[in-house]
């Protein structure tokens, strides 16, 4: 199995995702993230930090913990919990000792966590072959009133999966406020040598608050 970006973006269905990330967890950081100069976690972390929001924070689709590590490196001290579909990725994340709790969840379904989060962040979860906008109401259900969201959404799926419509609908229904979109690069220059098809990918960081 090709444990790389092209394979991940072509996933179809939950079982394929579980199998793929089970095998990818061991070399995700040293392989993909390092070789592709994966910038997105730090972009999301910096965007969240700029809002001045606090915690506790839920790292949605936490993977091996790159986003939470970036938050810690930027001086964020409140509790961060990790939520991911892959037990193997969560195990890697837990080894870094940056999370207060780790939870295996499927965010496309109602989430069995308390409504306690003042912030929800995500890097790389809302992309091709992964999660669509159907997860947004489930995330809002565990967010405190006025909770700050910073969610990356790959440009390739922004309209194709209907994130633009879904967020507009949530704003029109007064379920979210203060929606801003910040466009960022997903990878650094080194990615062109590894995967020319995706090296220039860009993402929108959807910044908004729960109503």
C-alpha atoms as a PDB file:
ATOM      1  CA  UNK A   1       0.000   0.000   0.000  1.00  0.00           C
ATOM      2  CA  UNK A   2       1.303   3.429  -0.911  1.00  0.00           C
ATOM      3  CA  UNK A   3       1.381   5.288   2.390  1.00  0.00           C
ATOM      4  CA  UNK A   4       1.366   8.761   0.940  1.00  0.00           C
ATOM      5  CA  UNK A   5      -0.796  11.707   0.077  1.00  0.00           C
ATOM      6  CA  UNK A   6      -2.172  10.398  -3.204  1.00  0.00           C
ATOM      7  CA  UNK A   7      -3.475   7.276  -1.534  1.00  0.00           C
ATOM      8  CA  UNK A   8      -4.999   9.223   1.354  1.00  0.00           C
ATOM      9  CA  UNK A   9      -6.854  11.644  -0.897  1.00  0.00           C
ATOM     10  CA  UNK A  10      -8.357   8.781  -2.865  1.00  0.00           C
ATOM     11  CA  UNK A  11      -9.925   7.015   0.110  1.00  0.00           C
ATOM     12  CA  UNK A  12     -13.564   5.986  -0.087  1.00  0.00           C
ATOM     13  CA  UNK A  13     -15.488   4.922   2.982  1.00  0.00           C
ATOM     14  CA  UNK A  14     -14.674   4.555   6.688  1.00  0.00           C
ATOM     15  CA  UNK A  15     -13.113   1.103   6.497  1.00  0.00           C
ATOM     16  CA  UNK A  16     -10.640   2.233   3.843  1.00  0.00           C
ATOM     17  CA  UNK A  17      -9.707   5.214   6.018  1.00  0.00           C
ATOM     18  CA  UNK A  18      -9.128   3.049   9.078  1.00  0.00           C
ATOM     19  CA  UNK A  19      -6.930   0.599   7.202  1.00  0.00           C
ATOM     20  CA  UNK A  20      -4.916   3.309   5.501  1.00  0.00           C
ATOM     21  CA  UNK A  21      -4.160   5.328   8.625  1.00  0.00           C
ATOM     22  CA  UNK A  22      -3.437   2.166  10.612  1.00  0.00           C
ATOM     23  CA  UNK A  23      -0.498   1.553   8.293  1.00  0.00           C
ATOM     24  CA  UNK A  24       0.471   5.227   7.864  1.00  0.00           C
ATOM     25  CA  UNK A  25       0.638   6.166  11.552  1.00  0.00           C
ATOM     26  CA  UNK A  26       4.173   4.868  12.133  1.00  0.00           C
ATOM     27  CA  UNK A  27       5.868   7.100   9.568  1.00  0.00           C
ATOM     28  CA  UNK A  28       3.369   9.944   9.156  1.00  0.00           C
ATOM     29  CA  UNK A  29       5.526  12.548  10.899  1.00  0.00           C
ATOM     30  CA  UNK A  30       8.933  11.506   9.592  1.00  0.00           C
ATOM     31  CA  UNK A  31       7.646  10.698   6.106  1.00  0.00           C
ATOM     32  CA  UNK A  32       4.723  12.689   4.804  1.00  0.00           C
ATOM     33  CA  UNK A  33       4.785  15.691   7.162  1.00  0.00           C
ATOM     34  CA  UNK A  34       8.543  16.182   7.007  1.00  0.00           C
ATOM     35  CA  UNK A  35       9.128  15.407   3.339  1.00  0.00           C
ATOM     36  CA  UNK A  36       6.164  17.455   2.083  1.00  0.00           C
ATOM     37  CA  UNK A  37       6.930  20.359   4.459  1.00  0.00           C
ATOM     38  CA  UNK A  38       3.386  20.155   5.797  1.00  0.00           C
ATOM     39  CA  UNK A  39       2.653  23.769   6.772  1.00  0.00           C
ATOM     40  CA  UNK A  40      -1.068  23.535   7.401  1.00  0.00           C
ATOM     41  CA  UNK A  41      -1.039  22.602  11.114  1.00  0.00           C
ATOM     42  CA  UNK A  42       1.100  25.633  11.945  1.00  0.00           C
ATOM     43  CA  UNK A  43      -1.122  27.898   9.836  1.00  0.00           C
ATOM     44  CA  UNK A  44      -4.222  26.749  11.703  1.00  0.00           C
ATOM     45  CA  UNK A  45      -2.459  27.089  15.053  1.00  0.00           C
ATOM     46  CA  UNK A  46      -1.296  30.628  14.280  1.00  0.00           C
ATOM     47  CA  UNK A  47      -4.772  31.611  13.105  1.00  0.00           C
ATOM     48  CA  UNK A  48      -6.333  30.295  16.296  1.00  0.00           C
ATOM     49  CA  UNK A  49      -3.714  31.983  18.461  1.00  0.00           C
ATOM     50  CA  UNK A  50      -4.359  35.306  16.732  1.00  0.00           C
ATOM     51  CA  UNK A  51      -7.975  35.257  17.922  1.00  0.00           C
ATOM     52  CA  UNK A  52      -6.869  35.240  21.550  1.00  0.00           C
ATOM     53  CA  UNK A  53      -9.277  32.390  22.294  1.00  0.00           C
ATOM     54  CA  UNK A  54      -8.557  30.006  25.128  1.00  0.00           C
ATOM     55  CA  UNK A  55      -9.468  26.466  26.048  1.00  0.00           C
ATOM     56  CA  UNK A  56     -10.291  23.759  26.539  1.00  0.00           C
ATOM     57  CA  UNK A  57      -9.742  23.031  22.854  1.00  0.00           C
ATOM     58  CA  UNK A  58     -10.696  19.969  20.800  1.00  0.00           C
ATOM     59  CA  UNK A  59      -8.269  19.066  18.030  1.00  0.00           C
ATOM     60  CA  UNK A  60     -10.579  17.508  15.438  1.00  0.00           C
ATOM     61  CA  UNK A  61      -8.989  14.841  13.269  1.00  0.00           C
ATOM     62  CA  UNK A  62      -5.906  15.246  15.413  1.00  0.00           C
ATOM     63  CA  UNK A  63      -3.840  12.569  13.689  1.00  0.00           C
ATOM     64  CA  UNK A  64      -0.410  12.380  15.289  1.00  0.00           C
ATOM     65  CA  UNK A  65      -0.786  15.735  17.037  1.00  0.00           C
ATOM     66  CA  UNK A  66       0.945  18.157  14.675  1.00  0.00           C
ATOM     67  CA  UNK A  67      -1.592  20.949  15.205  1.00  0.00           C
ATOM     68  CA  UNK A  68      -1.571  20.655  18.984  1.00  0.00           C
ATOM     69  CA  UNK A  69       2.232  20.580  18.974  1.00  0.00           C
ATOM     70  CA  UNK A  70       2.226  23.792  16.947  1.00  0.00           C
ATOM     71  CA  UNK A  71      -0.145  25.398  19.464  1.00  0.00           C
ATOM     72  CA  UNK A  72       2.133  24.355  22.335  1.00  0.00           C
ATOM     73  CA  UNK A  73       5.188  25.671  20.484  1.00  0.00           C
ATOM     74  CA  UNK A  74       3.391  29.019  20.130  1.00  0.00           C
ATOM     75  CA  UNK A  75       2.815  29.187  23.885  1.00  0.00           C
ATOM     76  CA  UNK A  76      -0.744  27.865  24.189  1.00  0.00           C
ATOM     77  CA  UNK A  77      -1.167  26.378  27.670  1.00  0.00           C
ATOM     78  CA  UNK A  78      -4.859  25.464  28.231  1.00  0.00           C
ATOM     79  CA  UNK A  79      -6.017  21.866  27.885  1.00  0.00           C
ATOM     80  CA  UNK A  80      -6.212  20.337  24.411  1.00  0.00           C
ATOM     81  CA  UNK A  81      -8.095  17.112  23.707  1.00  0.00           C
ATOM     82  CA  UNK A  82      -7.602  14.988  20.594  1.00  0.00           C
ATOM     83  CA  UNK A  83     -10.385  13.411  18.538  1.00  0.00           C
ATOM     84  CA  UNK A  84      -9.644  11.090  15.625  1.00  0.00           C
ATOM     85  CA  UNK A  85     -11.133   8.108  13.800  1.00  0.00           C
ATOM     86  CA  UNK A  86      -7.853   6.178  13.841  1.00  0.00           C
ATOM     87  CA  UNK A  87      -6.771   4.507  17.073  1.00  0.00           C
ATOM     88  CA  UNK A  88      -3.235   4.122  15.713  1.00  0.00           C
ATOM     89  CA  UNK A  89      -2.885   7.833  14.952  1.00  0.00           C
ATOM     90  CA  UNK A  90      -4.240   8.696  18.401  1.00  0.00           C
ATOM     91  CA  UNK A  91      -1.719   6.357  19.987  1.00  0.00           C
ATOM     92  CA  UNK A  92       1.091   8.262  18.263  1.00  0.00           C
ATOM     93  CA  UNK A  93      -0.439  11.555  19.385  1.00  0.00           C
ATOM     94  CA  UNK A  94      -0.738  10.398  22.995  1.00  0.00           C
ATOM     95  CA  UNK A  95       2.968   9.562  23.108  1.00  0.00           C
ATOM     96  CA  UNK A  96       3.770  13.261  22.680  1.00  0.00           C
ATOM     97  CA  UNK A  97       2.184  14.140  26.057  1.00  0.00           C
ATOM     98  CA  UNK A  98       0.513  17.278  24.717  1.00  0.00           C
ATOM     99  CA  UNK A  99      -3.125  16.230  25.125  1.00  0.00           C
ATOM    100  CA  UNK A 100      -5.291  16.146  28.231  1.00  0.00           C
ATOM    101  CA  UNK A 101      -7.428  13.414  26.658  1.00  0.00           C
ATOM    102  CA  UNK A 102      -7.628  11.413  23.433  1.00  0.00           C
ATOM    103  CA  UNK A 103     -10.924  10.175  22.021  1.00  0.00           C
ATOM    104  CA  UNK A 104     -11.651   7.862  19.110  1.00  0.00           C
ATOM    105  CA  UNK A 105     -14.702   9.338  17.385  1.00  0.00           C
ATOM    106  CA  UNK A 106     -16.392   9.442  14.004  1.00  0.00           C
ATOM    107  CA  UNK A 107     -17.272  13.101  13.525  1.00  0.00           C
ATOM    108  CA  UNK A 108     -19.685  12.284  10.713  1.00  0.00           C
ATOM    109  CA  UNK A 109     -21.949  10.948  13.492  1.00  0.00           C
ATOM    110  CA  UNK A 110     -23.180  12.560  16.736  1.00  0.00           C
ATOM    111  CA  UNK A 111     -20.165  12.865  19.037  1.00  0.00           C
ATOM    112  CA  UNK A 112     -20.346  11.350  22.502  1.00  0.00           C
ATOM    113  CA  UNK A 113     -18.364  14.064  24.266  1.00  0.00           C
ATOM    114  CA  UNK A 114     -19.562  16.726  26.705  1.00  0.00           C
ATOM    115  CA  UNK A 115     -20.361  20.230  25.541  1.00  0.00           C
ATOM    116  CA  UNK A 116     -17.273  21.793  27.086  1.00  0.00           C
ATOM    117  CA  UNK A 117     -15.044  23.180  24.357  1.00  0.00           C
ATOM    118  CA  UNK A 118     -14.206  26.868  24.071  1.00  0.00           C
ATOM    119  CA  UNK A 119     -12.246  26.175  20.891  1.00  0.00           C
ATOM    120  CA  UNK A 120     -12.297  23.619  18.077  1.00  0.00           C
ATOM    121  CA  UNK A 121      -9.434  23.396  15.602  1.00  0.00           C
ATOM    122  CA  UNK A 122      -8.691  21.093  12.701  1.00  0.00           C
ATOM    123  CA  UNK A 123      -5.948  20.642  10.121  1.00  0.00           C
ATOM    124  CA  UNK A 124      -6.221  18.308   7.145  1.00  0.00           C
ATOM    125  CA  UNK A 125      -9.470  16.574   8.069  1.00  0.00           C
ATOM    126  CA  UNK A 126     -11.740  18.406   5.638  1.00  0.00           C
ATOM    127  CA  UNK A 127     -10.132  17.373   2.371  1.00  0.00           C
ATOM    128  CA  UNK A 128     -10.565  14.945  -0.522  1.00  0.00           C
ATOM    129  CA  UNK A 129     -11.283  11.371   0.549  1.00  0.00           C
ATOM    130  CA  UNK A 130     -12.034  12.445   4.111  1.00  0.00           C
ATOM    131  CA  UNK A 131     -14.796  14.351   5.926  1.00  0.00           C
ATOM    132  CA  UNK A 132     -17.425  16.625   4.391  1.00  0.00           C
ATOM    133  CA  UNK A 133     -19.587  19.404   5.847  1.00  0.00           C
ATOM    134  CA  UNK A 134     -21.973  16.878   7.421  1.00  0.00           C
ATOM    135  CA  UNK A 135     -19.661  16.946  10.451  1.00  0.00           C
ATOM    136  CA  UNK A 136     -20.160  20.635  11.212  1.00  0.00           C
ATOM    137  CA  UNK A 137     -23.434  20.313  13.192  1.00  0.00           C
ATOM    138  CA  UNK A 138     -21.899  17.537  15.299  1.00  0.00           C
ATOM    139  CA  UNK A 139     -18.967  19.799  16.178  1.00  0.00           C
ATOM    140  CA  UNK A 140     -21.270  22.670  17.059  1.00  0.00           C
ATOM    141  CA  UNK A 141     -23.153  20.355  19.404  1.00  0.00           C
ATOM    142  CA  UNK A 142     -20.085  19.962  21.672  1.00  0.00           C
ATOM    143  CA  UNK A 143     -19.008  23.615  21.493  1.00  0.00           C
ATOM    144  CA  UNK A 144     -19.733  26.132  24.209  1.00  0.00           C
ATOM    145  CA  UNK A 145     -21.634  29.282  23.232  1.00  0.00           C
ATOM    146  CA  UNK A 146     -19.215  31.645  21.472  1.00  0.00           C
ATOM    147  CA  UNK A 147     -16.629  28.880  21.047  1.00  0.00           C
ATOM    148  CA  UNK A 148     -13.949  29.773  18.500  1.00  0.00           C
ATOM    149  CA  UNK A 149     -13.508  27.504  15.477  1.00  0.00           C
ATOM    150  CA  UNK A 150     -10.487  27.370  13.163  1.00  0.00           C
ATOM    151  CA  UNK A 151     -10.967  24.587  10.600  1.00  0.00           C
ATOM    152  CA  UNK A 152      -8.866  24.052   7.488  1.00  0.00           C
ATOM    153  CA  UNK A 153     -10.808  23.109   4.335  1.00  0.00           C
ATOM    154  CA  UNK A 154      -8.889  22.130   1.234  1.00  0.00           C
ATOM    155  CA  UNK A 155      -9.634  24.341  -1.774  1.00  0.00           C
ATOM    156  CA  UNK A 156     -10.277  21.227  -3.882  1.00  0.00           C
ATOM    157  CA  UNK A 157     -13.361  20.341  -1.830  1.00  0.00           C
ATOM    158  CA  UNK A 158     -14.548  23.803  -0.763  1.00  0.00           C
ATOM    159  CA  UNK A 159     -17.251  23.960  -3.437  1.00  0.00           C
ATOM    160  CA  UNK A 160     -17.115  20.357  -4.651  1.00  0.00           C
ATOM    161  CA  UNK A 161     -18.266  19.029  -1.271  1.00  0.00           C
ATOM    162  CA  UNK A 162     -20.492  22.015  -0.482  1.00  0.00           C
ATOM    163  CA  UNK A 163     -18.621  23.591   2.397  1.00  0.00           C
ATOM    164  CA  UNK A 164     -19.402  27.042   0.995  1.00  0.00           C
ATOM    165  CA  UNK A 165     -23.140  26.355   1.054  1.00  0.00           C
ATOM    166  CA  UNK A 166     -23.063  24.597   4.429  1.00  0.00           C
ATOM    167  CA  UNK A 167     -21.276  27.446   6.210  1.00  0.00           C
ATOM    168  CA  UNK A 168     -23.509  30.051   4.585  1.00  0.00           C
ATOM    169  CA  UNK A 169     -26.541  28.075   5.748  1.00  0.00           C
ATOM    170  CA  UNK A 170     -25.225  27.861   9.316  1.00  0.00           C
ATOM    171  CA  UNK A 171     -24.615  31.623   9.311  1.00  0.00           C
ATOM    172  CA  UNK A 172     -28.082  32.311   7.901  1.00  0.00           C
ATOM    173  CA  UNK A 173     -29.586  30.106  10.611  1.00  0.00           C
ATOM    174  CA  UNK A 174     -27.636  32.144  13.195  1.00  0.00           C
ATOM    175  CA  UNK A 175     -25.833  28.996  14.391  1.00  0.00           C
ATOM    176  CA  UNK A 176     -22.432  30.549  13.663  1.00  0.00           C
ATOM    177  CA  UNK A 177     -21.180  34.141  13.623  1.00  0.00           C
ATOM    178  CA  UNK A 178     -18.154  36.144  12.483  1.00  0.00           C
ATOM    179  CA  UNK A 179     -17.270  33.844   9.588  1.00  0.00           C
ATOM    180  CA  UNK A 180     -13.923  34.662   7.962  1.00  0.00           C
ATOM    181  CA  UNK A 181     -11.957  32.721   5.368  1.00  0.00           C
ATOM    182  CA  UNK A 182      -8.157  32.837   5.320  1.00  0.00           C
ATOM    183  CA  UNK A 183      -6.334  31.202   2.403  1.00  0.00           C
ATOM    184  CA  UNK A 184      -3.011  29.498   3.121  1.00  0.00           C
ATOM    185  CA  UNK A 185      -0.506  27.170   1.484  1.00  0.00           C
ATOM    186  CA  UNK A 186      -0.729  23.550   2.552  1.00  0.00           C
ATOM    187  CA  UNK A 187       2.872  22.543   1.752  1.00  0.00           C
ATOM    188  CA  UNK A 188       6.289  24.095   1.445  1.00  0.00           C
ATOM    189  CA  UNK A 189       8.568  24.207  -1.592  1.00  0.00           C
ATOM    190  CA  UNK A 190      10.008  20.729  -0.957  1.00  0.00           C
ATOM    191  CA  UNK A 191       6.645  19.159  -1.798  1.00  0.00           C
ATOM    192  CA  UNK A 192       7.162  19.770  -5.520  1.00  0.00           C
ATOM    193  CA  UNK A 193       9.851  17.081  -5.594  1.00  0.00           C
ATOM    194  CA  UNK A 194       7.575  14.549  -3.898  1.00  0.00           C
ATOM    195  CA  UNK A 195       4.104  15.146  -5.327  1.00  0.00           C
ATOM    196  CA  UNK A 196       3.828  17.698  -8.100  1.00  0.00           C
ATOM    197  CA  UNK A 197       0.072  17.122  -8.403  1.00  0.00           C
ATOM    198  CA  UNK A 198      -0.626  18.391  -4.890  1.00  0.00           C
ATOM    199  CA  UNK A 199       2.392  20.538  -4.017  1.00  0.00           C
ATOM    200  CA  UNK A 200       0.566  23.762  -4.829  1.00  0.00           C
ATOM    201  CA  UNK A 201      -2.566  22.864  -2.854  1.00  0.00           C
ATOM    202  CA  UNK A 202      -4.150  25.639  -0.857  1.00  0.00           C
ATOM    203  CA  UNK A 203      -6.654  25.559   1.965  1.00  0.00           C
ATOM    204  CA  UNK A 204      -9.159  27.930   3.449  1.00  0.00           C
ATOM    205  CA  UNK A 205      -9.119  28.294   7.205  1.00  0.00           C
ATOM    206  CA  UNK A 206     -12.738  28.829   8.201  1.00  0.00           C
ATOM    207  CA  UNK A 207     -12.689  31.027  11.280  1.00  0.00           C
ATOM    208  CA  UNK A 208     -16.031  31.469  13.065  1.00  0.00           C
ATOM    209  CA  UNK A 209     -17.747  31.357  16.420  1.00  0.00           C
ATOM    210  CA  UNK A 210     -20.566  29.180  17.660  1.00  0.00           C
ATOM    211  CA  UNK A 211     -23.696  31.172  18.338  1.00  0.00           C
END
